[in-house]
Protein backbone atom coordinates (compact mmCIF):
# COMPACT_ATOMS: atom_id res chain seq x y z
CA MET A 1 69.44 -148.84 -65.30
CA LYS A 2 66.53 -150.54 -66.71
CA SER A 3 65.94 -152.77 -63.42
CA VAL A 4 66.06 -149.10 -61.23
CA ARG A 5 63.18 -147.79 -63.40
CA VAL A 6 60.70 -151.20 -63.25
CA ALA A 7 61.44 -150.54 -59.43
CA ILE A 8 60.59 -147.06 -59.46
CA ALA A 9 57.64 -147.78 -61.62
CA LEU A 10 56.47 -150.49 -59.01
CA LEU A 11 56.82 -147.63 -56.22
CA LEU A 12 54.95 -145.13 -57.72
CA VAL A 13 52.01 -148.12 -58.63
CA VAL A 14 51.96 -148.27 -54.88
CA CYS A 15 51.91 -144.73 -54.33
CA LEU A 16 49.07 -144.47 -56.55
CA GLY A 17 47.23 -147.28 -54.79
CA ILE A 18 47.79 -145.48 -51.25
CA ILE A 19 46.43 -142.34 -52.49
CA THR A 20 43.52 -143.97 -53.98
CA PHE A 21 42.47 -145.75 -50.99
CA LYS A 22 43.43 -143.30 -48.32
CA SER A 23 41.89 -140.13 -49.96
CA ASP A 24 40.05 -138.77 -47.33
CA TYR A 25 42.77 -139.21 -44.78
CA LEU A 26 44.82 -136.94 -47.36
CA ILE A 27 41.98 -134.63 -47.80
CA GLN A 28 41.85 -134.19 -43.42
CA LEU A 29 45.85 -133.74 -43.90
CA GLY A 30 45.40 -130.84 -45.99
CA LEU A 31 42.77 -129.47 -44.02
CA VAL A 32 44.12 -130.02 -40.39
CA SER A 33 48.24 -130.26 -40.93
CA LEU A 34 48.48 -127.88 -44.29
CA ASN A 35 45.93 -125.39 -43.19
CA PHE A 36 44.52 -125.79 -46.88
CA GLY A 37 40.63 -124.50 -47.52
CA TRP A 38 38.24 -126.99 -48.38
CA MET A 39 38.15 -126.73 -51.90
CA LEU A 40 41.77 -127.31 -52.41
CA SER A 41 42.24 -130.24 -49.74
CA TYR A 42 39.45 -131.96 -51.58
CA LEU A 43 41.63 -131.17 -55.10
CA PHE A 44 45.12 -132.29 -53.16
CA PRO A 45 44.71 -136.10 -53.59
CA LYS A 46 43.57 -135.73 -57.47
CA VAL A 47 46.37 -133.33 -57.96
CA LEU A 48 49.20 -136.10 -56.61
CA VAL A 49 47.23 -138.70 -58.80
CA LEU A 50 47.77 -136.78 -62.01
CA THR A 51 51.35 -135.51 -60.78
CA ILE A 52 52.40 -138.92 -60.09
CA ALA A 53 50.93 -140.88 -62.98
CA SER A 54 52.45 -138.34 -65.10
CA VAL A 55 56.04 -139.39 -63.33
CA LEU A 56 55.36 -143.31 -63.96
CA ILE A 57 54.66 -142.18 -67.60
CA ALA A 58 57.59 -140.45 -67.82
CA VAL A 59 59.84 -143.15 -66.13
CA VAL A 60 58.11 -146.14 -68.21
CA TRP A 61 58.74 -144.60 -71.57
CA PRO A 62 61.94 -145.22 -72.59
CA MET A 63 60.98 -149.27 -71.55
CA ILE A 64 58.09 -149.09 -73.96
CA ARG A 65 59.95 -150.65 -77.38
CA LEU A 66 56.77 -149.22 -79.83
CA SER A 67 56.25 -147.01 -82.34
CA GLY A 68 55.48 -143.55 -81.18
CA GLY A 69 51.22 -143.85 -81.74
CA TYR A 70 51.30 -146.79 -79.34
CA ARG A 71 53.62 -145.27 -76.89
CA PHE A 72 51.61 -142.52 -76.93
CA LEU A 73 47.84 -144.95 -76.15
CA ILE A 74 50.40 -146.90 -73.28
CA GLY A 75 50.40 -143.39 -71.80
CA PHE A 76 47.16 -142.22 -72.12
CA LEU A 77 46.08 -145.68 -71.28
CA ILE A 78 48.35 -145.33 -67.72
CA LEU A 79 46.66 -141.87 -66.96
CA GLY A 80 43.54 -143.27 -67.48
CA LEU A 81 43.56 -145.85 -65.00
CA SER A 82 45.01 -144.13 -62.55
CA ALA A 83 42.47 -141.09 -62.86
CA GLY A 84 40.04 -143.44 -63.40
CA GLY A 85 40.55 -146.12 -60.57
CA TYR A 86 40.56 -143.28 -58.21
CA LEU A 87 37.42 -142.04 -59.47
CA LEU A 88 35.89 -145.64 -59.13
CA VAL A 89 37.25 -145.67 -55.49
CA ASN A 90 36.59 -142.50 -54.51
CA ILE A 91 32.98 -141.50 -56.25
CA PRO A 92 33.34 -137.79 -57.05
CA TYR A 93 30.38 -135.50 -54.98
CA VAL A 94 30.70 -131.86 -54.43
CA GLU A 95 28.52 -128.81 -54.74
CA TRP A 96 30.44 -126.21 -56.53
CA GLY A 97 27.89 -123.43 -55.44
CA LYS A 98 28.39 -121.56 -52.23
CA THR A 99 25.99 -119.36 -51.13
CA GLY A 100 22.59 -121.42 -50.69
CA THR A 101 19.53 -119.16 -50.33
CA ASP A 102 19.68 -115.52 -49.09
CA MET A 103 17.20 -115.51 -46.16
CA THR A 104 17.57 -112.01 -45.51
CA ASP A 105 14.20 -110.67 -45.44
CA GLU A 106 12.34 -114.09 -45.58
CA MET A 107 11.06 -115.32 -42.17
CA ALA A 108 12.12 -112.76 -39.98
CA GLY A 109 11.62 -113.41 -36.37
CA ASN A 110 11.34 -116.96 -36.60
CA PRO A 111 11.81 -119.09 -33.64
CA ILE A 112 15.41 -120.01 -35.10
CA GLU A 113 16.66 -116.09 -35.06
CA SER A 114 14.41 -115.14 -31.40
CA TYR A 115 16.61 -118.21 -29.65
CA LEU A 116 19.99 -117.17 -31.06
CA ASN A 117 19.04 -113.19 -30.02
CA LEU A 118 18.02 -114.05 -26.67
CA ASN A 119 20.48 -116.03 -25.53
CA HIS A 120 23.53 -115.86 -28.06
CA PRO A 121 23.30 -112.19 -28.53
CA GLY A 122 26.07 -110.95 -30.70
CA PHE A 123 25.88 -114.86 -32.57
CA ASP A 124 27.70 -114.34 -35.76
CA GLY A 125 28.19 -118.03 -37.35
CA VAL A 126 26.83 -121.15 -38.82
CA VAL A 127 23.97 -123.25 -37.09
CA CYS A 128 23.20 -126.82 -37.75
CA LEU A 129 19.45 -128.15 -38.06
CA ALA A 130 19.77 -132.04 -36.91
CA LEU A 131 17.32 -135.21 -35.57
CA PRO A 132 19.25 -137.39 -33.50
CA SER A 133 17.82 -140.25 -35.41
CA CYS A 134 19.66 -138.72 -38.75
CA SER A 135 23.12 -140.76 -40.01
CA HIS A 136 23.72 -137.92 -42.50
CA CYS A 137 23.58 -135.16 -39.40
CA GLU A 138 26.08 -137.24 -37.80
CA VAL A 139 28.60 -137.32 -40.22
CA ALA A 140 27.94 -133.41 -41.07
CA VAL A 141 28.04 -132.29 -37.43
CA PRO A 142 31.60 -133.22 -37.23
CA LYS A 143 32.65 -130.93 -40.40
CA LEU A 144 31.24 -127.88 -38.23
CA ALA A 145 33.56 -128.85 -35.37
CA LEU A 146 36.19 -128.91 -37.54
CA VAL A 147 35.36 -125.70 -38.89
CA LYS A 148 35.00 -124.30 -35.31
CA LYS A 149 38.38 -126.12 -34.97
CA ARG A 150 39.90 -123.98 -37.77
CA VAL A 151 38.24 -120.34 -37.35
CA PRO A 152 37.77 -119.95 -33.42
CA ASP A 153 35.92 -116.66 -33.52
CA LEU A 154 33.56 -118.29 -35.85
CA ASP A 155 30.05 -119.39 -33.93
CA VAL A 156 28.54 -122.71 -34.53
CA LEU A 157 25.74 -124.15 -33.09
CA VAL A 158 23.60 -127.59 -33.06
CA PHE A 159 19.91 -127.31 -32.96
CA VAL A 160 18.59 -130.74 -32.09
CA PHE A 161 14.65 -131.30 -33.09
CA THR A 162 13.32 -133.49 -30.41
CA ASP A 163 11.26 -133.57 -27.67
CA ASP A 164 12.93 -135.66 -25.59
CA SER A 165 16.19 -133.82 -24.12
CA SER A 166 17.77 -136.73 -22.98
CA ARG A 167 18.02 -137.63 -26.64
CA VAL A 168 19.88 -134.16 -27.14
CA GLY A 169 23.14 -136.17 -25.12
CA SER A 170 23.07 -139.42 -26.78
CA PHE A 171 23.21 -137.23 -30.28
CA GLN A 172 26.43 -135.85 -29.25
CA LYS A 173 28.06 -139.00 -28.09
CA ASN A 174 27.11 -140.46 -31.72
CA THR A 175 28.77 -137.76 -33.56
CA GLY A 176 31.62 -137.59 -31.36
CA VAL A 177 31.99 -133.64 -31.05
CA GLU A 178 32.31 -132.57 -27.81
CA ASN A 179 34.18 -128.73 -28.27
CA LEU A 180 30.17 -127.40 -30.27
CA PRO A 181 27.28 -126.68 -27.79
CA PHE A 182 24.16 -128.97 -28.50
CA VAL A 183 20.80 -127.44 -27.99
CA LEU A 184 17.52 -128.32 -27.86
CA ALA A 185 15.46 -126.49 -30.73
CA PRO A 186 12.74 -124.10 -29.94
CA ASP A 187 9.29 -124.84 -31.41
CA PRO A 188 10.38 -127.56 -33.73
CA ALA A 189 7.45 -127.78 -35.61
CA ASN A 190 7.70 -123.60 -36.98
CA SER A 191 11.66 -123.75 -36.61
CA SER A 192 11.46 -127.13 -39.05
CA VAL A 193 10.55 -124.69 -41.73
CA LEU A 194 13.57 -123.63 -42.28
CA CYS A 195 15.06 -126.34 -43.39
CA GLN A 196 11.69 -127.36 -44.88
CA GLY A 197 11.73 -130.68 -42.88
CA SER A 198 15.20 -131.62 -44.75
CA PHE A 199 17.79 -132.53 -42.02
CA PRO A 200 20.76 -131.82 -41.59
CA GLY A 201 19.77 -127.88 -43.05
CA PHE A 202 22.48 -125.36 -42.46
CA LEU A 203 21.79 -121.65 -41.34
CA TYR A 204 23.80 -118.56 -41.08
CA PHE A 205 23.27 -116.40 -38.59
CA LYS A 206 24.41 -112.78 -38.76
CA ASN A 207 23.67 -109.44 -37.51
CA GLY A 208 20.30 -110.88 -35.59
CA LYS A 209 19.01 -112.97 -38.46
CA VAL A 210 19.39 -116.03 -40.37
CA VAL A 211 21.31 -114.18 -43.87
CA HIS A 212 21.35 -117.88 -45.95
CA ARG A 213 20.25 -121.75 -46.19
CA TRP A 214 21.65 -124.21 -47.38
CA PHE A 215 20.08 -127.71 -47.79
CA ASN A 216 21.99 -130.95 -47.24
CA SER A 217 22.89 -131.27 -50.91
CA GLU A 218 24.02 -127.79 -51.38
CA PHE A 219 26.65 -127.71 -47.87
CA GLY A 220 29.83 -128.44 -49.50
CA TYR A 221 33.75 -127.82 -49.71
CA ALA A 222 32.97 -124.26 -51.88
CA ALA A 223 29.98 -123.54 -49.14
CA LEU A 224 32.48 -124.34 -46.09
CA ASP A 225 35.37 -122.14 -47.25
CA TRP A 226 32.75 -119.24 -47.40
CA VAL A 227 31.72 -120.10 -44.04
CA GLU A 228 35.13 -120.17 -42.61
CA SER A 229 35.43 -116.34 -44.25
CA GLY A 230 32.53 -114.96 -42.60
CA LEU A 231 30.58 -114.93 -45.76
CA GLN A 232 33.33 -112.07 -47.70
């Protein structure tokens, strides 16, 4: 019986290692295959770590030949090492706010609004403001491609801030995204005011107006859930 418990304990430790080093894969699995929301997908591997660590404690508990206080200490140590190891490898980064800045009554008639109303009447969705040389932009755009895949009716568009139209195509190639439109930003100097020169920036366009804005550090899992819901 003891050998079985040891084998199960080793298997659980291996599972903890896999979850720790494959956390991003599990988040994507939650989003794509299990159709979780963004926040739930973000929490998915963390809940697995705590669950498996708790099972591991239950498995080794009968094998600990110590007094009650020390047994509890070892249990807390297993839980702490499991959670601590996960957080050490996967440094937590998530913005809990979702609404960004309300832009409904600000900067009416800006170049982005004018372009969308002229070229994409009825546009209802999210816009990314990106620079071709911005590595953070290259990481952000695939998330929007996944949003579009999950919610096909949601409009998504990428404005690229450059004077060289050839860089739009090269930037799109670098992102690996093919299912979103990439266009030159209209009047870049004035359009960049919308994100205050901080890239990438994210806007929600609804009823002919930019209604919300997020800077890169604000556009986290809660905001992505809200965007997918159409700001409901």
